[in-house]
Amino acid sequence: MSSIEDLHLNADTLNMMTNLRILRLYVPSGKISRNVHHSGVPSKLSGKLRYLEWNGFHLKSLPVTFCAKMLVEIRMPHSHVTELWQGVQVKYIQKAR
């Protein structure tokens, strides 16, 4: 994203990426925040997702169908998230040393 002036993100594209393991949408430190245009709301994210980084995520929560079973790390700086998901998603989280 550091070299893209305007990013047009279509929710349907994310919905179709059923094998997605890494999703990283960020603005490197020291760079000017870019314009991200969203069309639609992602109704699902891949259940195989292991790493999620989304700078400035525009919704208040992740899709209700999102299963974080495989998720290892999540980073969502400057986002509007007030609730990641409802219910218990992760049984055990190992603290970083």
N, C-alpha and C. Protein backbone atom coordinates (compact mmCIF):
# COMPACT_ATOMS: atom_id res chain seq x y z
N MET A 1 0.82 -1.20 0.00
CA MET A 1 0.00 0.00 0.00
C MET A 1 0.86 1.26 0.00
N SER A 2 2.13 1.12 0.34
CA SER A 2 2.98 2.30 0.45
C SER A 2 3.17 3.01 -0.88
N SER A 3 2.99 2.30 -1.99
CA SER A 3 3.19 2.93 -3.29
C SER A 3 1.87 3.20 -4.03
N ILE A 4 0.74 2.88 -3.42
CA ILE A 4 -0.56 3.07 -4.05
C ILE A 4 -1.23 4.32 -3.49
N GLU A 5 -1.62 5.22 -4.35
CA GLU A 5 -2.27 6.46 -3.92
C GLU A 5 -3.68 6.19 -3.40
N ASP A 6 -4.47 5.46 -4.18
CA ASP A 6 -5.85 5.12 -3.82
C ASP A 6 -6.03 3.62 -3.99
N LEU A 7 -6.53 2.96 -2.94
CA LEU A 7 -6.78 1.53 -3.01
C LEU A 7 -8.28 1.30 -3.00
N HIS A 8 -8.76 0.59 -4.00
CA HIS A 8 -10.18 0.26 -4.10
C HIS A 8 -10.32 -1.21 -3.72
N LEU A 9 -10.94 -1.47 -2.58
CA LEU A 9 -11.06 -2.80 -2.04
C LEU A 9 -12.50 -3.28 -2.16
N ASN A 10 -12.70 -4.36 -2.90
CA ASN A 10 -14.03 -4.92 -3.11
C ASN A 10 -14.25 -6.07 -2.13
N ALA A 11 -15.30 -6.00 -1.34
CA ALA A 11 -15.60 -7.02 -0.34
C ALA A 11 -15.79 -8.39 -0.97
N ASP A 12 -16.36 -8.45 -2.16
CA ASP A 12 -16.58 -9.73 -2.83
C ASP A 12 -15.26 -10.45 -3.10
N THR A 13 -14.21 -9.69 -3.37
CA THR A 13 -12.90 -10.28 -3.62
C THR A 13 -12.40 -11.01 -2.37
N LEU A 14 -12.53 -10.38 -1.20
CA LEU A 14 -12.13 -11.02 0.05
C LEU A 14 -13.00 -12.24 0.34
N ASN A 15 -14.28 -12.15 0.05
CA ASN A 15 -15.19 -13.26 0.30
C ASN A 15 -14.82 -14.51 -0.50
N MET A 16 -14.24 -14.32 -1.69
CA MET A 16 -13.88 -15.45 -2.55
C MET A 16 -12.54 -16.07 -2.20
N MET A 17 -11.73 -15.41 -1.39
CA MET A 17 -10.40 -15.92 -1.04
C MET A 17 -10.49 -16.90 0.11
N THR A 18 -10.98 -18.10 -0.17
CA THR A 18 -11.25 -19.08 0.88
C THR A 18 -9.99 -19.73 1.44
N ASN A 19 -8.88 -19.67 0.73
CA ASN A 19 -7.63 -20.27 1.21
C ASN A 19 -6.64 -19.22 1.71
N LEU A 20 -7.08 -18.00 1.88
CA LEU A 20 -6.20 -16.90 2.30
C LEU A 20 -5.63 -17.19 3.69
N ARG A 21 -4.30 -17.12 3.81
CA ARG A 21 -3.65 -17.39 5.09
C ARG A 21 -3.05 -16.13 5.70
N ILE A 22 -2.68 -15.17 4.87
CA ILE A 22 -2.09 -13.92 5.36
C ILE A 22 -2.81 -12.75 4.68
N LEU A 23 -3.31 -11.83 5.49
CA LEU A 23 -3.92 -10.61 4.97
C LEU A 23 -3.24 -9.45 5.67
N ARG A 24 -2.53 -8.64 4.89
CA ARG A 24 -1.77 -7.53 5.47
C ARG A 24 -2.05 -6.26 4.66
N LEU A 25 -2.86 -5.39 5.24
CA LEU A 25 -3.16 -4.09 4.64
C LEU A 25 -2.68 -3.03 5.63
N TYR A 26 -1.56 -2.42 5.33
CA TYR A 26 -0.96 -1.50 6.28
C TYR A 26 -0.30 -0.33 5.57
N VAL A 27 0.01 0.68 6.35
CA VAL A 27 0.76 1.84 5.88
C VAL A 27 2.04 1.87 6.71
N PRO A 28 3.22 1.72 6.08
CA PRO A 28 4.47 1.72 6.85
C PRO A 28 4.63 2.99 7.67
N SER A 29 5.29 2.87 8.81
CA SER A 29 5.51 4.04 9.67
C SER A 29 6.30 5.08 8.90
N GLY A 30 5.95 6.34 9.11
CA GLY A 30 6.61 7.43 8.42
C GLY A 30 5.98 7.78 7.08
N LYS A 31 5.06 6.96 6.61
CA LYS A 31 4.38 7.22 5.33
C LYS A 31 3.06 7.94 5.59
N ILE A 32 2.59 8.63 4.59
CA ILE A 32 1.29 9.30 4.68
C ILE A 32 0.20 8.27 4.45
N SER A 33 -0.84 8.33 5.27
CA SER A 33 -1.96 7.40 5.13
C SER A 33 -2.61 7.58 3.77
N ARG A 34 -2.90 6.48 3.11
CA ARG A 34 -3.50 6.50 1.77
C ARG A 34 -5.03 6.45 1.86
N ASN A 35 -5.66 6.72 0.76
CA ASN A 35 -7.12 6.64 0.69
C ASN A 35 -7.53 5.21 0.33
N VAL A 36 -8.29 4.58 1.21
CA VAL A 36 -8.79 3.24 0.95
C VAL A 36 -10.29 3.35 0.76
N HIS A 37 -10.76 2.91 -0.40
CA HIS A 37 -12.18 2.98 -0.73
C HIS A 37 -12.75 1.57 -0.65
N HIS A 38 -13.79 1.39 0.15
CA HIS A 38 -14.40 0.08 0.35
C HIS A 38 -15.71 0.01 -0.42
N SER A 39 -15.90 -1.08 -1.16
CA SER A 39 -17.20 -1.31 -1.79
C SER A 39 -17.77 -2.57 -1.18
N GLY A 40 -18.80 -2.40 -0.41
CA GLY A 40 -19.44 -3.53 0.25
C GLY A 40 -18.78 -3.84 1.58
N VAL A 41 -19.35 -4.79 2.27
CA VAL A 41 -18.87 -5.23 3.57
C VAL A 41 -18.47 -6.69 3.45
N PRO A 42 -17.22 -7.03 3.85
CA PRO A 42 -16.86 -8.46 3.76
C PRO A 42 -17.77 -9.29 4.66
N SER A 43 -18.41 -10.30 4.08
CA SER A 43 -19.32 -11.13 4.86
C SER A 43 -18.59 -12.31 5.49
N LYS A 44 -17.41 -12.58 4.99
CA LYS A 44 -16.62 -13.65 5.59
C LYS A 44 -15.14 -13.44 5.27
N LEU A 45 -14.32 -13.94 6.16
CA LEU A 45 -12.88 -13.99 5.93
C LEU A 45 -12.49 -15.46 6.00
N SER A 46 -11.43 -15.81 5.35
CA SER A 46 -10.99 -17.20 5.29
C SER A 46 -10.80 -17.79 6.69
N GLY A 47 -11.31 -18.98 6.89
CA GLY A 47 -11.11 -19.69 8.15
C GLY A 47 -9.69 -20.21 8.30
N LYS A 48 -8.90 -20.10 7.23
CA LYS A 48 -7.50 -20.53 7.25
C LYS A 48 -6.55 -19.38 7.58
N LEU A 49 -7.13 -18.20 7.82
CA LEU A 49 -6.32 -17.00 8.09
C LEU A 49 -5.48 -17.19 9.34
N ARG A 50 -4.16 -16.97 9.19
CA ARG A 50 -3.24 -17.12 10.31
C ARG A 50 -2.73 -15.76 10.79
N TYR A 51 -2.62 -14.80 9.88
CA TYR A 51 -2.11 -13.47 10.22
C TYR A 51 -3.04 -12.42 9.61
N LEU A 52 -3.51 -11.52 10.44
CA LEU A 52 -4.39 -10.44 9.97
C LEU A 52 -3.84 -9.11 10.45
N GLU A 53 -3.46 -8.28 9.51
CA GLU A 53 -3.04 -6.92 9.82
C GLU A 53 -3.81 -5.98 8.88
N TRP A 54 -4.62 -5.12 9.47
CA TRP A 54 -5.45 -4.22 8.67
C TRP A 54 -5.45 -2.86 9.33
N ASN A 55 -4.62 -1.99 8.84
CA ASN A 55 -4.50 -0.63 9.36
C ASN A 55 -5.74 0.16 8.96
N GLY A 56 -6.45 0.69 9.96
CA GLY A 56 -7.62 1.52 9.68
C GLY A 56 -8.84 0.73 9.25
N PHE A 57 -9.01 -0.49 9.75
CA PHE A 57 -10.20 -1.30 9.43
C PHE A 57 -11.44 -0.46 9.71
N HIS A 58 -12.34 -0.35 8.76
CA HIS A 58 -13.44 0.62 8.81
C HIS A 58 -14.69 0.15 9.55
N LEU A 59 -14.78 -1.14 9.87
CA LEU A 59 -15.98 -1.64 10.54
C LEU A 59 -15.77 -1.73 12.05
N LYS A 60 -16.87 -1.92 12.80
CA LYS A 60 -16.79 -1.99 14.26
C LYS A 60 -16.50 -3.40 14.76
N SER A 61 -16.64 -4.42 13.89
CA SER A 61 -16.31 -5.79 14.27
C SER A 61 -15.97 -6.59 13.02
N LEU A 62 -15.35 -7.73 13.24
CA LEU A 62 -15.07 -8.64 12.14
C LEU A 62 -16.37 -9.34 11.76
N PRO A 63 -16.46 -9.91 10.55
CA PRO A 63 -17.70 -10.60 10.16
C PRO A 63 -18.07 -11.70 11.17
N VAL A 64 -19.35 -11.85 11.44
CA VAL A 64 -19.80 -12.83 12.43
C VAL A 64 -19.46 -14.26 12.02
N THR A 65 -19.24 -14.50 10.75
CA THR A 65 -18.91 -15.84 10.27
C THR A 65 -17.42 -16.14 10.39
N PHE A 66 -16.62 -15.16 10.80
CA PHE A 66 -15.17 -15.36 10.87
C PHE A 66 -14.82 -16.34 11.98
N CYS A 67 -14.05 -17.37 11.64
CA CYS A 67 -13.58 -18.36 12.60
C CYS A 67 -12.08 -18.15 12.80
N ALA A 68 -11.69 -17.80 14.02
CA ALA A 68 -10.30 -17.48 14.32
C ALA A 68 -9.50 -18.69 14.77
N LYS A 69 -9.96 -19.88 14.43
CA LYS A 69 -9.32 -21.11 14.89
C LYS A 69 -7.85 -21.19 14.51
N MET A 70 -7.48 -20.74 13.34
CA MET A 70 -6.10 -20.82 12.86
C MET A 70 -5.31 -19.53 13.10
N LEU A 71 -5.98 -18.47 13.57
CA LEU A 71 -5.36 -17.16 13.71
C LEU A 71 -4.25 -17.19 14.76
N VAL A 72 -3.07 -16.71 14.38
CA VAL A 72 -1.92 -16.66 15.27
C VAL A 72 -1.67 -15.24 15.75
N GLU A 73 -1.83 -14.28 14.85
CA GLU A 73 -1.58 -12.89 15.21
C GLU A 73 -2.57 -11.97 14.51
N ILE A 74 -2.99 -10.94 15.25
CA ILE A 74 -3.90 -9.94 14.69
C ILE A 74 -3.38 -8.56 15.08
N ARG A 75 -3.32 -7.67 14.11
CA ARG A 75 -2.91 -6.28 14.33
C ARG A 75 -3.89 -5.39 13.58
N MET A 76 -4.51 -4.49 14.31
CA MET A 76 -5.49 -3.60 13.68
C MET A 76 -5.34 -2.18 14.22
N PRO A 77 -4.18 -1.55 13.98
CA PRO A 77 -3.99 -0.18 14.46
C PRO A 77 -4.90 0.81 13.71
N HIS A 78 -5.27 1.83 14.40
CA HIS A 78 -6.09 2.91 13.82
C HIS A 78 -7.40 2.40 13.23
N SER A 79 -7.94 1.34 13.80
CA SER A 79 -9.19 0.78 13.28
C SER A 79 -10.37 1.29 14.10
N HIS A 80 -11.57 0.99 13.62
CA HIS A 80 -12.80 1.38 14.30
C HIS A 80 -13.40 0.21 15.08
N VAL A 81 -12.63 -0.87 15.25
CA VAL A 81 -13.11 -2.09 15.90
C VAL A 81 -13.38 -1.84 17.38
N THR A 82 -14.60 -2.21 17.80
CA THR A 82 -14.95 -2.16 19.22
C THR A 82 -15.14 -3.56 19.77
N GLU A 83 -15.36 -4.54 18.86
CA GLU A 83 -15.53 -5.94 19.24
C GLU A 83 -15.00 -6.80 18.10
N LEU A 84 -14.07 -7.71 18.41
CA LEU A 84 -13.52 -8.56 17.35
C LEU A 84 -14.54 -9.58 16.88
N TRP A 85 -15.14 -10.31 17.82
CA TRP A 85 -16.15 -11.31 17.50
C TRP A 85 -16.96 -11.61 18.74
N GLN A 86 -18.04 -12.33 18.56
CA GLN A 86 -18.88 -12.70 19.69
C GLN A 86 -18.58 -14.14 20.08
N GLY A 87 -18.63 -14.43 21.37
CA GLY A 87 -18.38 -15.78 21.85
C GLY A 87 -16.90 -16.10 21.96
N VAL A 88 -16.61 -17.34 22.28
CA VAL A 88 -15.24 -17.79 22.46
C VAL A 88 -14.70 -18.27 21.11
N GLN A 89 -13.59 -17.71 20.68
CA GLN A 89 -12.98 -18.09 19.42
C GLN A 89 -11.66 -18.83 19.62
N VAL A 90 -10.89 -18.40 20.60
CA VAL A 90 -9.56 -18.95 20.81
C VAL A 90 -9.52 -19.60 22.18
N LYS A 91 -9.16 -20.88 22.24
CA LYS A 91 -9.11 -21.59 23.51
C LYS A 91 -7.83 -21.31 24.28
N TYR A 92 -6.71 -21.12 23.57
CA TYR A 92 -5.43 -20.93 24.24
C TYR A 92 -4.59 -19.94 23.45
N ILE A 93 -4.08 -18.93 24.11
CA ILE A 93 -3.21 -17.95 23.47
C ILE A 93 -1.89 -17.95 24.22
N GLN A 94 -0.80 -18.20 23.52
CA GLN A 94 0.51 -18.21 24.15
C GLN A 94 1.06 -16.79 24.15
N LYS A 95 1.50 -16.33 25.30
CA LYS A 95 2.05 -14.99 25.42
C LYS A 95 3.43 -14.93 24.78
N ALA A 96 3.73 -13.80 24.16
CA ALA A 96 5.05 -13.59 23.56
C ALA A 96 6.09 -13.46 24.69
N ARG A 97 7.25 -13.98 24.44
CA ARG A 97 8.32 -13.92 25.45
C ARG A 97 9.23 -12.75 25.23
